[in-house]
PDBML (XML) file of the C-alpha atoms, coordinates in Angstrom:
<?xml version="1.0" encoding="UTF-8" ?>
<PDBx:datablock datablockName="MODEL"
   xmlns:PDBx="http://pdbml.pdb.org/schema/pdbx-v50.xsd"
   xmlns:xsi="http://www.w3.org/2001/XMLSchema-instance"
   xsi:schemaLocation="http://pdbml.pdb.org/schema/pdbx-v50.xsd pdbx-v50.xsd">
   <PDBx:atom_siteCategory>
      <PDBx:atom_site id="1">
         <PDBx:B_iso_or_equiv>0.00</PDBx:B_iso_or_equiv>
         <PDBx:Cartn_x>85.640</PDBx:Cartn_x>
         <PDBx:Cartn_y>68.941</PDBx:Cartn_y>
         <PDBx:Cartn_z>96.672</PDBx:Cartn_z>
         <PDBx:auth_asym_id>A</PDBx:auth_asym_id>
         <PDBx:auth_atom_id>CA</PDBx:auth_atom_id>
         <PDBx:auth_comp_id>UNK</PDBx:auth_comp_id>
         <PDBx:auth_seq_id>1</PDBx:auth_seq_id>
         <PDBx:group_PDB>ATOM</PDBx:group_PDB>
         <PDBx:label_alt_id xsi:nil="true" />
         <PDBx:label_asym_id>A</PDBx:label_asym_id>
         <PDBx:label_atom_id>CA</PDBx:label_atom_id>
         <PDBx:label_comp_id>UNK</PDBx:label_comp_id>
         <PDBx:label_entity_id>1</PDBx:label_entity_id>
         <PDBx:label_seq_id>1</PDBx:label_seq_id>
         <PDBx:occupancy>1.00</PDBx:occupancy>
         <PDBx:pdbx_PDB_model_num>1</PDBx:pdbx_PDB_model_num>
         <PDBx:type_symbol>C</PDBx:type_symbol>
      </PDBx:atom_site>
      <PDBx:atom_site id="2">
         <PDBx:B_iso_or_equiv>0.00</PDBx:B_iso_or_equiv>
         <PDBx:Cartn_x>82.407</PDBx:Cartn_x>
         <PDBx:Cartn_y>68.381</PDBx:Cartn_y>
         <PDBx:Cartn_z>98.106</PDBx:Cartn_z>
         <PDBx:auth_asym_id>A</PDBx:auth_asym_id>
         <PDBx:auth_atom_id>CA</PDBx:auth_atom_id>
         <PDBx:auth_comp_id>UNK</PDBx:auth_comp_id>
         <PDBx:auth_seq_id>2</PDBx:auth_seq_id>
         <PDBx:group_PDB>ATOM</PDBx:group_PDB>
         <PDBx:label_alt_id xsi:nil="true" />
         <PDBx:label_asym_id>A</PDBx:label_asym_id>
         <PDBx:label_atom_id>CA</PDBx:label_atom_id>
         <PDBx:label_comp_id>UNK</PDBx:label_comp_id>
         <PDBx:label_entity_id>1</PDBx:label_entity_id>
         <PDBx:label_seq_id>2</PDBx:label_seq_id>
         <PDBx:occupancy>1.00</PDBx:occupancy>
         <PDBx:pdbx_PDB_model_num>1</PDBx:pdbx_PDB_model_num>
         <PDBx:type_symbol>C</PDBx:type_symbol>
      </PDBx:atom_site>
      <PDBx:atom_site id="3">
         <PDBx:B_iso_or_equiv>0.00</PDBx:B_iso_or_equiv>
         <PDBx:Cartn_x>79.425</PDBx:Cartn_x>
         <PDBx:Cartn_y>70.847</PDBx:Cartn_y>
         <PDBx:Cartn_z>97.898</PDBx:Cartn_z>
         <PDBx:auth_asym_id>A</PDBx:auth_asym_id>
         <PDBx:auth_atom_id>CA</PDBx:auth_atom_id>
         <PDBx:auth_comp_id>UNK</PDBx:auth_comp_id>
         <PDBx:auth_seq_id>3</PDBx:auth_seq_id>
         <PDBx:group_PDB>ATOM</PDBx:group_PDB>
         <PDBx:label_alt_id xsi:nil="true" />
         <PDBx:label_asym_id>A</PDBx:label_asym_id>
         <PDBx:label_atom_id>CA</PDBx:label_atom_id>
         <PDBx:label_comp_id>UNK</PDBx:label_comp_id>
         <PDBx:label_entity_id>1</PDBx:label_entity_id>
         <PDBx:label_seq_id>3</PDBx:label_seq_id>
         <PDBx:occupancy>1.00</PDBx:occupancy>
         <PDBx:pdbx_PDB_model_num>1</PDBx:pdbx_PDB_model_num>
         <PDBx:type_symbol>C</PDBx:type_symbol>
      </PDBx:atom_site>
      <PDBx:atom_site id="4">
         <PDBx:B_iso_or_equiv>0.00</PDBx:B_iso_or_equiv>
         <PDBx:Cartn_x>76.218</PDBx:Cartn_x>
         <PDBx:Cartn_y>70.845</PDBx:Cartn_y>
         <PDBx:Cartn_z>99.973</PDBx:Cartn_z>
         <PDBx:auth_asym_id>A</PDBx:auth_asym_id>
         <PDBx:auth_atom_id>CA</PDBx:auth_atom_id>
         <PDBx:auth_comp_id>UNK</PDBx:auth_comp_id>
         <PDBx:auth_seq_id>4</PDBx:auth_seq_id>
         <PDBx:group_PDB>ATOM</PDBx:group_PDB>
         <PDBx:label_alt_id xsi:nil="true" />
         <PDBx:label_asym_id>A</PDBx:label_asym_id>
         <PDBx:label_atom_id>CA</PDBx:label_atom_id>
         <PDBx:label_comp_id>UNK</PDBx:label_comp_id>
         <PDBx:label_entity_id>1</PDBx:label_entity_id>
         <PDBx:label_seq_id>4</PDBx:label_seq_id>
         <PDBx:occupancy>1.00</PDBx:occupancy>
         <PDBx:pdbx_PDB_model_num>1</PDBx:pdbx_PDB_model_num>
         <PDBx:type_symbol>C</PDBx:type_symbol>
      </PDBx:atom_site>
      <PDBx:atom_site id="5">
         <PDBx:B_iso_or_equiv>0.00</PDBx:B_iso_or_equiv>
         <PDBx:Cartn_x>73.370</PDBx:Cartn_x>
         <PDBx:Cartn_y>73.022</PDBx:Cartn_y>
         <PDBx:Cartn_z>99.995</PDBx:Cartn_z>
         <PDBx:auth_asym_id>A</PDBx:auth_asym_id>
         <PDBx:auth_atom_id>CA</PDBx:auth_atom_id>
         <PDBx:auth_comp_id>UNK</PDBx:auth_comp_id>
         <PDBx:auth_seq_id>5</PDBx:auth_seq_id>
         <PDBx:group_PDB>ATOM</PDBx:group_PDB>
         <PDBx:label_alt_id xsi:nil="true" />
         <PDBx:label_asym_id>A</PDBx:label_asym_id>
         <PDBx:label_atom_id>CA</PDBx:label_atom_id>
         <PDBx:label_comp_id>UNK</PDBx:label_comp_id>
         <PDBx:label_entity_id>1</PDBx:label_entity_id>
         <PDBx:label_seq_id>5</PDBx:label_seq_id>
         <PDBx:occupancy>1.00</PDBx:occupancy>
         <PDBx:pdbx_PDB_model_num>1</PDBx:pdbx_PDB_model_num>
         <PDBx:type_symbol>C</PDBx:type_symbol>
      </PDBx:atom_site>
      <PDBx:atom_site id="6">
         <PDBx:B_iso_or_equiv>0.00</PDBx:B_iso_or_equiv>
         <PDBx:Cartn_x>72.125</PDBx:Cartn_x>
         <PDBx:Cartn_y>73.330</PDBx:Cartn_y>
         <PDBx:Cartn_z>103.417</PDBx:Cartn_z>
         <PDBx:auth_asym_id>A</PDBx:auth_asym_id>
         <PDBx:auth_atom_id>CA</PDBx:auth_atom_id>
         <PDBx:auth_comp_id>UNK</PDBx:auth_comp_id>
         <PDBx:auth_seq_id>6</PDBx:auth_seq_id>
         <PDBx:group_PDB>ATOM</PDBx:group_PDB>
         <PDBx:label_alt_id xsi:nil="true" />
         <PDBx:label_asym_id>A</PDBx:label_asym_id>
         <PDBx:label_atom_id>CA</PDBx:label_atom_id>
         <PDBx:label_comp_id>UNK</PDBx:label_comp_id>
         <PDBx:label_entity_id>1</PDBx:label_entity_id>
         <PDBx:label_seq_id>6</PDBx:label_seq_id>
         <PDBx:occupancy>1.00</PDBx:occupancy>
         <PDBx:pdbx_PDB_model_num>1</PDBx:pdbx_PDB_model_num>
         <PDBx:type_symbol>C</PDBx:type_symbol>
      </PDBx:atom_site>
      <PDBx:atom_site id="7">
         <PDBx:B_iso_or_equiv>0.00</PDBx:B_iso_or_equiv>
         <PDBx:Cartn_x>68.568</PDBx:Cartn_x>
         <PDBx:Cartn_y>73.525</PDBx:Cartn_y>
         <PDBx:Cartn_z>104.641</PDBx:Cartn_z>
         <PDBx:auth_asym_id>A</PDBx:auth_asym_id>
         <PDBx:auth_atom_id>CA</PDBx:auth_atom_id>
         <PDBx:auth_comp_id>UNK</PDBx:auth_comp_id>
         <PDBx:auth_seq_id>7</PDBx:auth_seq_id>
         <PDBx:group_PDB>ATOM</PDBx:group_PDB>
         <PDBx:label_alt_id xsi:nil="true" />
         <PDBx:label_asym_id>A</PDBx:label_asym_id>
         <PDBx:label_atom_id>CA</PDBx:label_atom_id>
         <PDBx:label_comp_id>UNK</PDBx:label_comp_id>
         <PDBx:label_entity_id>1</PDBx:label_entity_id>
         <PDBx:label_seq_id>7</PDBx:label_seq_id>
         <PDBx:occupancy>1.00</PDBx:occupancy>
         <PDBx:pdbx_PDB_model_num>1</PDBx:pdbx_PDB_model_num>
         <PDBx:type_symbol>C</PDBx:type_symbol>
      </PDBx:atom_site>
      <PDBx:atom_site id="8">
         <PDBx:B_iso_or_equiv>0.00</PDBx:B_iso_or_equiv>
         <PDBx:Cartn_x>67.914</PDBx:Cartn_x>
         <PDBx:Cartn_y>76.299</PDBx:Cartn_y>
         <PDBx:Cartn_z>107.462</PDBx:Cartn_z>
         <PDBx:auth_asym_id>A</PDBx:auth_asym_id>
         <PDBx:auth_atom_id>CA</PDBx:auth_atom_id>
         <PDBx:auth_comp_id>UNK</PDBx:auth_comp_id>
         <PDBx:auth_seq_id>8</PDBx:auth_seq_id>
         <PDBx:group_PDB>ATOM</PDBx:group_PDB>
         <PDBx:label_alt_id xsi:nil="true" />
         <PDBx:label_asym_id>A</PDBx:label_asym_id>
         <PDBx:label_atom_id>CA</PDBx:label_atom_id>
         <PDBx:label_comp_id>UNK</PDBx:label_comp_id>
         <PDBx:label_entity_id>1</PDBx:label_entity_id>
         <PDBx:label_seq_id>8</PDBx:label_seq_id>
         <PDBx:occupancy>1.00</PDBx:occupancy>
         <PDBx:pdbx_PDB_model_num>1</PDBx:pdbx_PDB_model_num>
         <PDBx:type_symbol>C</PDBx:type_symbol>
      </PDBx:atom_site>
      <PDBx:atom_site id="9">
         <PDBx:B_iso_or_equiv>0.00</PDBx:B_iso_or_equiv>
         <PDBx:Cartn_x>64.866</PDBx:Cartn_x>
         <PDBx:Cartn_y>78.197</PDBx:Cartn_y>
         <PDBx:Cartn_z>108.118</PDBx:Cartn_z>
         <PDBx:auth_asym_id>A</PDBx:auth_asym_id>
         <PDBx:auth_atom_id>CA</PDBx:auth_atom_id>
         <PDBx:auth_comp_id>UNK</PDBx:auth_comp_id>
         <PDBx:auth_seq_id>9</PDBx:auth_seq_id>
         <PDBx:group_PDB>ATOM</PDBx:group_PDB>
         <PDBx:label_alt_id xsi:nil="true" />
         <PDBx:label_asym_id>A</PDBx:label_asym_id>
         <PDBx:label_atom_id>CA</PDBx:label_atom_id>
         <PDBx:label_comp_id>UNK</PDBx:label_comp_id>
         <PDBx:label_entity_id>1</PDBx:label_entity_id>
         <PDBx:label_seq_id>9</PDBx:label_seq_id>
         <PDBx:occupancy>1.00</PDBx:occupancy>
         <PDBx:pdbx_PDB_model_num>1</PDBx:pdbx_PDB_model_num>
         <PDBx:type_symbol>C</PDBx:type_symbol>
      </PDBx:atom_site>
      <PDBx:atom_site id="10">
         <PDBx:B_iso_or_equiv>0.00</PDBx:B_iso_or_equiv>
         <PDBx:Cartn_x>65.350</PDBx:Cartn_x>
         <PDBx:Cartn_y>81.949</PDBx:Cartn_y>
         <PDBx:Cartn_z>107.886</PDBx:Cartn_z>
         <PDBx:auth_asym_id>A</PDBx:auth_asym_id>
         <PDBx:auth_atom_id>CA</PDBx:auth_atom_id>
         <PDBx:auth_comp_id>UNK</PDBx:auth_comp_id>
         <PDBx:auth_seq_id>10</PDBx:auth_seq_id>
         <PDBx:group_PDB>ATOM</PDBx:group_PDB>
         <PDBx:label_alt_id xsi:nil="true" />
         <PDBx:label_asym_id>A</PDBx:label_asym_id>
         <PDBx:label_atom_id>CA</PDBx:label_atom_id>
         <PDBx:label_comp_id>UNK</PDBx:label_comp_id>
         <PDBx:label_entity_id>1</PDBx:label_entity_id>
         <PDBx:label_seq_id>10</PDBx:label_seq_id>
         <PDBx:occupancy>1.00</PDBx:occupancy>
         <PDBx:pdbx_PDB_model_num>1</PDBx:pdbx_PDB_model_num>
         <PDBx:type_symbol>C</PDBx:type_symbol>
      </PDBx:atom_site>
      <PDBx:atom_site id="11">
         <PDBx:B_iso_or_equiv>0.00</PDBx:B_iso_or_equiv>
         <PDBx:Cartn_x>63.928</PDBx:Cartn_x>
         <PDBx:Cartn_y>84.499</PDBx:Cartn_y>
         <PDBx:Cartn_z>109.905</PDBx:Cartn_z>
         <PDBx:auth_asym_id>A</PDBx:auth_asym_id>
         <PDBx:auth_atom_id>CA</PDBx:auth_atom_id>
         <PDBx:auth_comp_id>UNK</PDBx:auth_comp_id>
         <PDBx:auth_seq_id>11</PDBx:auth_seq_id>
         <PDBx:group_PDB>ATOM</PDBx:group_PDB>
         <PDBx:label_alt_id xsi:nil="true" />
         <PDBx:label_asym_id>A</PDBx:label_asym_id>
         <PDBx:label_atom_id>CA</PDBx:label_atom_id>
         <PDBx:label_comp_id>UNK</PDBx:label_comp_id>
         <PDBx:label_entity_id>1</PDBx:label_entity_id>
         <PDBx:label_seq_id>11</PDBx:label_seq_id>
         <PDBx:occupancy>1.00</PDBx:occupancy>
         <PDBx:pdbx_PDB_model_num>1</PDBx:pdbx_PDB_model_num>
         <PDBx:type_symbol>C</PDBx:type_symbol>
      </PDBx:atom_site>
      <PDBx:atom_site id="12">
         <PDBx:B_iso_or_equiv>0.00</PDBx:B_iso_or_equiv>
         <PDBx:Cartn_x>60.748</PDBx:Cartn_x>
         <PDBx:Cartn_y>85.875</PDBx:Cartn_y>
         <PDBx:Cartn_z>108.528</PDBx:Cartn_z>
         <PDBx:auth_asym_id>A</PDBx:auth_asym_id>
         <PDBx:auth_atom_id>CA</PDBx:auth_atom_id>
         <PDBx:auth_comp_id>UNK</PDBx:auth_comp_id>
         <PDBx:auth_seq_id>12</PDBx:auth_seq_id>
         <PDBx:group_PDB>ATOM</PDBx:group_PDB>
         <PDBx:label_alt_id xsi:nil="true" />
         <PDBx:label_asym_id>A</PDBx:label_asym_id>
         <PDBx:label_atom_id>CA</PDBx:label_atom_id>
         <PDBx:label_comp_id>UNK</PDBx:label_comp_id>
         <PDBx:label_entity_id>1</PDBx:label_entity_id>
         <PDBx:label_seq_id>12</PDBx:label_seq_id>
         <PDBx:occupancy>1.00</PDBx:occupancy>
         <PDBx:pdbx_PDB_model_num>1</PDBx:pdbx_PDB_model_num>
         <PDBx:type_symbol>C</PDBx:type_symbol>
      </PDBx:atom_site>
      <PDBx:atom_site id="13">
         <PDBx:B_iso_or_equiv>0.00</PDBx:B_iso_or_equiv>
         <PDBx:Cartn_x>62.658</PDBx:Cartn_x>
         <PDBx:Cartn_y>89.371</PDBx:Cartn_y>
         <PDBx:Cartn_z>107.828</PDBx:Cartn_z>
         <PDBx:auth_asym_id>A</PDBx:auth_asym_id>
         <PDBx:auth_atom_id>CA</PDBx:auth_atom_id>
         <PDBx:auth_comp_id>UNK</PDBx:auth_comp_id>
         <PDBx:auth_seq_id>13</PDBx:auth_seq_id>
         <PDBx:group_PDB>ATOM</PDBx:group_PDB>
         <PDBx:label_alt_id xsi:nil="true" />
         <PDBx:label_asym_id>A</PDBx:label_asym_id>
         <PDBx:label_atom_id>CA</PDBx:label_atom_id>
         <PDBx:label_comp_id>UNK</PDBx:label_comp_id>
         <PDBx:label_entity_id>1</PDBx:label_entity_id>
         <PDBx:label_seq_id>13</PDBx:label_seq_id>
         <PDBx:occupancy>1.00</PDBx:occupancy>
         <PDBx:pdbx_PDB_model_num>1</PDBx:pdbx_PDB_model_num>
         <PDBx:type_symbol>C</PDBx:type_symbol>
      </PDBx:atom_site>
      <PDBx:atom_site id="14">
         <PDBx:B_iso_or_equiv>0.00</PDBx:B_iso_or_equiv>
         <PDBx:Cartn_x>64.973</PDBx:Cartn_x>
         <PDBx:Cartn_y>87.069</PDBx:Cartn_y>
         <PDBx:Cartn_z>105.461</PDBx:Cartn_z>
         <PDBx:auth_asym_id>A</PDBx:auth_asym_id>
         <PDBx:auth_atom_id>CA</PDBx:auth_atom_id>
         <PDBx:auth_comp_id>UNK</PDBx:auth_comp_id>
         <PDBx:auth_seq_id>14</PDBx:auth_seq_id>
         <PDBx:group_PDB>ATOM</PDBx:group_PDB>
         <PDBx:label_alt_id xsi:nil="true" />
         <PDBx:label_asym_id>A</PDBx:label_asym_id>
         <PDBx:label_atom_id>CA</PDBx:label_atom_id>
         <PDBx:label_comp_id>UNK</PDBx:label_comp_id>
         <PDBx:label_entity_id>1</PDBx:label_entity_id>
         <PDBx:label_seq_id>14</PDBx:label_seq_id>
         <PDBx:occupancy>1.00</PDBx:occupancy>
         <PDBx:pdbx_PDB_model_num>1</PDBx:pdbx_PDB_model_num>
         <PDBx:type_symbol>C</PDBx:type_symbol>
      </PDBx:atom_site>
      <PDBx:atom_site id="15">
         <PDBx:B_iso_or_equiv>0.00</PDBx:B_iso_or_equiv>
         <PDBx:Cartn_x>61.658</PDBx:Cartn_x>
         <PDBx:Cartn_y>85.849</PDBx:Cartn_y>
         <PDBx:Cartn_z>103.360</PDBx:Cartn_z>
         <PDBx:auth_asym_id>A</PDBx:auth_asym_id>
         <PDBx:auth_atom_id>CA</PDBx:auth_atom_id>
         <PDBx:auth_comp_id>UNK</PDBx:auth_comp_id>
         <PDBx:auth_seq_id>15</PDBx:auth_seq_id>
         <PDBx:group_PDB>ATOM</PDBx:group_PDB>
         <PDBx:label_alt_id xsi:nil="true" />
         <PDBx:label_asym_id>A</PDBx:label_asym_id>
         <PDBx:label_atom_id>CA</PDBx:label_atom_id>
         <PDBx:label_comp_id>UNK</PDBx:label_comp_id>
         <PDBx:label_entity_id>1</PDBx:label_entity_id>
         <PDBx:label_seq_id>15</PDBx:label_seq_id>
         <PDBx:occupancy>1.00</PDBx:occupancy>
         <PDBx:pdbx_PDB_model_num>1</PDBx:pdbx_PDB_model_num>
         <PDBx:type_symbol>C</PDBx:type_symbol>
      </PDBx:atom_site>
      <PDBx:atom_site id="16">
         <PDBx:B_iso_or_equiv>0.00</PDBx:B_iso_or_equiv>
         <PDBx:Cartn_x>61.403</PDBx:Cartn_x>
         <PDBx:Cartn_y>89.313</PDBx:Cartn_y>
         <PDBx:Cartn_z>101.471</PDBx:Cartn_z>
         <PDBx:auth_asym_id>A</PDBx:auth_asym_id>
         <PDBx:auth_atom_id>CA</PDBx:auth_atom_id>
         <PDBx:auth_comp_id>UNK</PDBx:auth_comp_id>
         <PDBx:auth_seq_id>16</PDBx:auth_seq_id>
         <PDBx:group_PDB>ATOM</PDBx:group_PDB>
         <PDBx:label_alt_id xsi:nil="true" />
         <PDBx:label_asym_id>A</PDBx:label_asym_id>
         <PDBx:label_atom_id>CA</PDBx:label_atom_id>
         <PDBx:label_comp_id>UNK</PDBx:label_comp_id>
         <PDBx:label_entity_id>1</PDBx:label_entity_id>
         <PDBx:label_seq_id>16</PDBx:label_seq_id>
         <PDBx:occupancy>1.00</PDBx:occupancy>
         <PDBx:pdbx_PDB_model_num>1</PDBx:pdbx_PDB_model_num>
         <PDBx:type_symbol>C</PDBx:type_symbol>
      </PDBx:atom_site>
      <PDBx:atom_site id="17">
         <PDBx:B_iso_or_equiv>0.00</PDBx:B_iso_or_equiv>
         <PDBx:Cartn_x>65.456</PDBx:Cartn_x>
         <PDBx:Cartn_y>89.553</PDBx:Cartn_y>
         <PDBx:Cartn_z>100.567</PDBx:Cartn_z>
         <PDBx:auth_asym_id>A</PDBx:auth_asym_id>
         <PDBx:auth_atom_id>CA</PDBx:auth_atom_id>
         <PDBx:auth_comp_id>UNK</PDBx:auth_comp_id>
         <PDBx:auth_seq_id>17</PDBx:auth_seq_id>
         <PDBx:group_PDB>ATOM</PDBx:group_PDB>
         <PDBx:label_alt_id xsi:nil="true" />
         <PDBx:label_asym_id>A</PDBx:label_asym_id>
         <PDBx:label_atom_id>CA</PDBx:label_atom_id>
         <PDBx:label_comp_id>UNK</PDBx:label_comp_id>
         <PDBx:label_entity_id>1</PDBx:label_entity_id>
         <PDBx:label_seq_id>17</PDBx:label_seq_id>
         <PDBx:occupancy>1.00</PDBx:occupancy>
         <PDBx:pdbx_PDB_model_num>1</PDBx:pdbx_PDB_model_num>
         <PDBx:type_symbol>C</PDBx:type_symbol>
      </PDBx:atom_site>
      <PDBx:atom_site id="18">
         <PDBx:B_iso_or_equiv>0.00</PDBx:B_iso_or_equiv>
         <PDBx:Cartn_x>66.196</PDBx:Cartn_x>
         <PDBx:Cartn_y>88.539</PDBx:Cartn_y>
         <PDBx:Cartn_z>96.874</PDBx:Cartn_z>
         <PDBx:auth_asym_id>A</PDBx:auth_asym_id>
         <PDBx:auth_atom_id>CA</PDBx:auth_atom_id>
         <PDBx:auth_comp_id>UNK</PDBx:auth_comp_id>
         <PDBx:auth_seq_id>18</PDBx:auth_seq_id>
         <PDBx:group_PDB>ATOM</PDBx:group_PDB>
         <PDBx:label_alt_id xsi:nil="true" />
         <PDBx:label_asym_id>A</PDBx:label_asym_id>
         <PDBx:label_atom_id>CA</PDBx:label_atom_id>
         <PDBx:label_comp_id>UNK</PDBx:label_comp_id>
         <PDBx:label_entity_id>1</PDBx:label_entity_id>
         <PDBx:label_seq_id>18</PDBx:label_seq_id>
         <PDBx:occupancy>1.00</PDBx:occupancy>
         <PDBx:pdbx_PDB_model_num>1</PDBx:pdbx_PDB_model_num>
         <PDBx:type_symbol>C</PDBx:type_symbol>
      </PDBx:atom_site>
      <PDBx:atom_site id="19">
         <PDBx:B_iso_or_equiv>0.00</PDBx:B_iso_or_equiv>
         <PDBx:Cartn_x>69.038</PDBx:Cartn_x>
         <PDBx:Cartn_y>86.567</PDBx:Cartn_y>
         <PDBx:Cartn_z>97.916</PDBx:Cartn_z>
         <PDBx:auth_asym_id>A</PDBx:auth_asym_id>
         <PDBx:auth_atom_id>CA</PDBx:auth_atom_id>
         <PDBx:auth_comp_id>UNK</PDBx:auth_comp_id>
         <PDBx:auth_seq_id>19</PDBx:auth_seq_id>
         <PDBx:group_PDB>ATOM</PDBx:group_PDB>
         <PDBx:label_alt_id xsi:nil="true" />
         <PDBx:label_asym_id>A</PDBx:label_asym_id>
         <PDBx:label_atom_id>CA</PDBx:label_atom_id>
         <PDBx:label_comp_id>UNK</PDBx:label_comp_id>
         <PDBx:label_entity_id>1</PDBx:label_entity_id>
         <PDBx:label_seq_id>19</PDBx:label_seq_id>
         <PDBx:occupancy>1.00</PDBx:occupancy>
         <PDBx:pdbx_PDB_model_num>1</PDBx:pdbx_PDB_model_num>
         <PDBx:type_symbol>C</PDBx:type_symbol>
      </PDBx:atom_site>
      <PDBx:atom_site id="20">
         <PDBx:B_iso_or_equiv>0.00</PDBx:B_iso_or_equiv>
         <PDBx:Cartn_x>70.317</PDBx:Cartn_x>
         <PDBx:Cartn_y>86.522</PDBx:Cartn_y>
         <PDBx:Cartn_z>94.053</PDBx:Cartn_z>
         <PDBx:auth_asym_id>A</PDBx:auth_asym_id>
         <PDBx:auth_atom_id>CA</PDBx:auth_atom_id>
         <PDBx:auth_comp_id>UNK</PDBx:auth_comp_id>
         <PDBx:auth_seq_id>20</PDBx:auth_seq_id>
         <PDBx:group_PDB>ATOM</PDBx:group_PDB>
         <PDBx:label_alt_id xsi:nil="true" />
         <PDBx:label_asym_id>A</PDBx:label_asym_id>
         <PDBx:label_atom_id>CA</PDBx:label_atom_id>
         <PDBx:label_comp_id>UNK</PDBx:label_comp_id>
         <PDBx:label_entity_id>1</PDBx:label_entity_id>
         <PDBx:label_seq_id>20</PDBx:label_seq_id>
         <PDBx:occupancy>1.00</PDBx:occupancy>
         <PDBx:pdbx_PDB_model_num>1</PDBx:pdbx_PDB_model_num>
         <PDBx:type_symbol>C</PDBx:type_symbol>
      </PDBx:atom_site>
      <PDBx:atom_site id="21">
         <PDBx:B_iso_or_equiv>0.00</PDBx:B_iso_or_equiv>
         <PDBx:Cartn_x>70.979</PDBx:Cartn_x>
         <PDBx:Cartn_y>90.004</PDBx:Cartn_y>
         <PDBx:Cartn_z>93.721</PDBx:Cartn_z>
         <PDBx:auth_asym_id>A</PDBx:auth_asym_id>
         <PDBx:auth_atom_id>CA</PDBx:auth_atom_id>
         <PDBx:auth_comp_id>UNK</PDBx:auth_comp_id>
         <PDBx:auth_seq_id>21</PDBx:auth_seq_id>
         <PDBx:group_PDB>ATOM</PDBx:group_PDB>
         <PDBx:label_alt_id xsi:nil="true" />
         <PDBx:label_asym_id>A</PDBx:label_asym_id>
         <PDBx:label_atom_id>CA</PDBx:label_atom_id>
         <PDBx:label_comp_id>UNK</PDBx:label_comp_id>
         <PDBx:label_entity_id>1</PDBx:label_entity_id>
         <PDBx:label_seq_id>21</PDBx:label_seq_id>
         <PDBx:occupancy>1.00</PDBx:occupancy>
         <PDBx:pdbx_PDB_model_num>1</PDBx:pdbx_PDB_model_num>
         <PDBx:type_symbol>C</PDBx:type_symbol>
      </PDBx:atom_site>
      <PDBx:atom_site id="22">
         <PDBx:B_iso_or_equiv>0.00</PDBx:B_iso_or_equiv>
         <PDBx:Cartn_x>73.016</PDBx:Cartn_x>
         <PDBx:Cartn_y>91.033</PDBx:Cartn_y>
         <PDBx:Cartn_z>97.259</PDBx:Cartn_z>
         <PDBx:auth_asym_id>A</PDBx:auth_asym_id>
         <PDBx:auth_atom_id>CA</PDBx:auth_atom_id>
         <PDBx:auth_comp_id>UNK</PDBx:auth_comp_id>
         <PDBx:auth_seq_id>22</PDBx:auth_seq_id>
         <PDBx:group_PDB>ATOM</PDBx:group_PDB>
         <PDBx:label_alt_id xsi:nil="true" />
         <PDBx:label_asym_id>A</PDBx:label_asym_id>
         <PDBx:label_atom_id>CA</PDBx:label_atom_id>
         <PDBx:label_comp_id>UNK</PDBx:label_comp_id>
         <PDBx:label_entity_id>1</PDBx:label_entity_id>
         <PDBx:label_seq_id>22</PDBx:label_seq_id>
         <PDBx:occupancy>1.00</PDBx:occupancy>
         <PDBx:pdbx_PDB_model_num>1</PDBx:pdbx_PDB_model_num>
         <PDBx:type_symbol>C</PDBx:type_symbol>
      </PDBx:atom_site>
      <PDBx:atom_site id="23">
         <PDBx:B_iso_or_equiv>0.00</PDBx:B_iso_or_equiv>
         <PDBx:Cartn_x>76.381</PDBx:Cartn_x>
         <PDBx:Cartn_y>92.266</PDBx:Cartn_y>
         <PDBx:Cartn_z>96.749</PDBx:Cartn_z>
         <PDBx:auth_asym_id>A</PDBx:auth_asym_id>
         <PDBx:auth_atom_id>CA</PDBx:auth_atom_id>
         <PDBx:auth_comp_id>UNK</PDBx:auth_comp_id>
         <PDBx:auth_seq_id>23</PDBx:auth_seq_id>
         <PDBx:group_PDB>ATOM</PDBx:group_PDB>
         <PDBx:label_alt_id xsi:nil="true" />
         <PDBx:label_asym_id>A</PDBx:label_asym_id>
         <PDBx:label_atom_id>CA</PDBx:label_atom_id>
         <PDBx:label_comp_id>UNK</PDBx:label_comp_id>
         <PDBx:label_entity_id>1</PDBx:label_entity_id>
         <PDBx:label_seq_id>23</PDBx:label_seq_id>
         <PDBx:occupancy>1.00</PDBx:occupancy>
         <PDBx:pdbx_PDB_model_num>1</PDBx:pdbx_PDB_model_num>
         <PDBx:type_symbol>C</PDBx:type_symbol>
      </PDBx:atom_site>
      <PDBx:atom_site id="24">
         <PDBx:B_iso_or_equiv>0.00</PDBx:B_iso_or_equiv>
         <PDBx:Cartn_x>78.645</PDBx:Cartn_x>
         <PDBx:Cartn_y>90.138</PDBx:Cartn_y>
         <PDBx:Cartn_z>98.659</PDBx:Cartn_z>
         <PDBx:auth_asym_id>A</PDBx:auth_asym_id>
         <PDBx:auth_atom_id>CA</PDBx:auth_atom_id>
         <PDBx:auth_comp_id>UNK</PDBx:auth_comp_id>
         <PDBx:auth_seq_id>24</PDBx:auth_seq_id>
         <PDBx:group_PDB>ATOM</PDBx:group_PDB>
         <PDBx:label_alt_id xsi:nil="true" />
         <PDBx:label_asym_id>A</PDBx:label_asym_id>
         <PDBx:label_atom_id>CA</PDBx:label_atom_id>
         <PDBx:label_comp_id>UNK</PDBx:label_comp_id>
         <PDBx:label_entity_id>1</PDBx:label_entity_id>
         <PDBx:label_seq_id>24</PDBx:label_seq_id>
         <PDBx:occupancy>1.00</PDBx:occupancy>
         <PDBx:pdbx_PDB_model_num>1</PDBx:pdbx_PDB_model_num>
         <PDBx:type_symbol>C</PDBx:type_symbol>
      </PDBx:atom_site>
   </PDBx:atom_siteCategory>
</PDBx:datablock>
């Protein structure tokens, strides 16, 4: 299994979101 972290630019409205607390 090979795992990679993608580096993508997010829209400005996504910068205020705490992605660690989002529920699937």
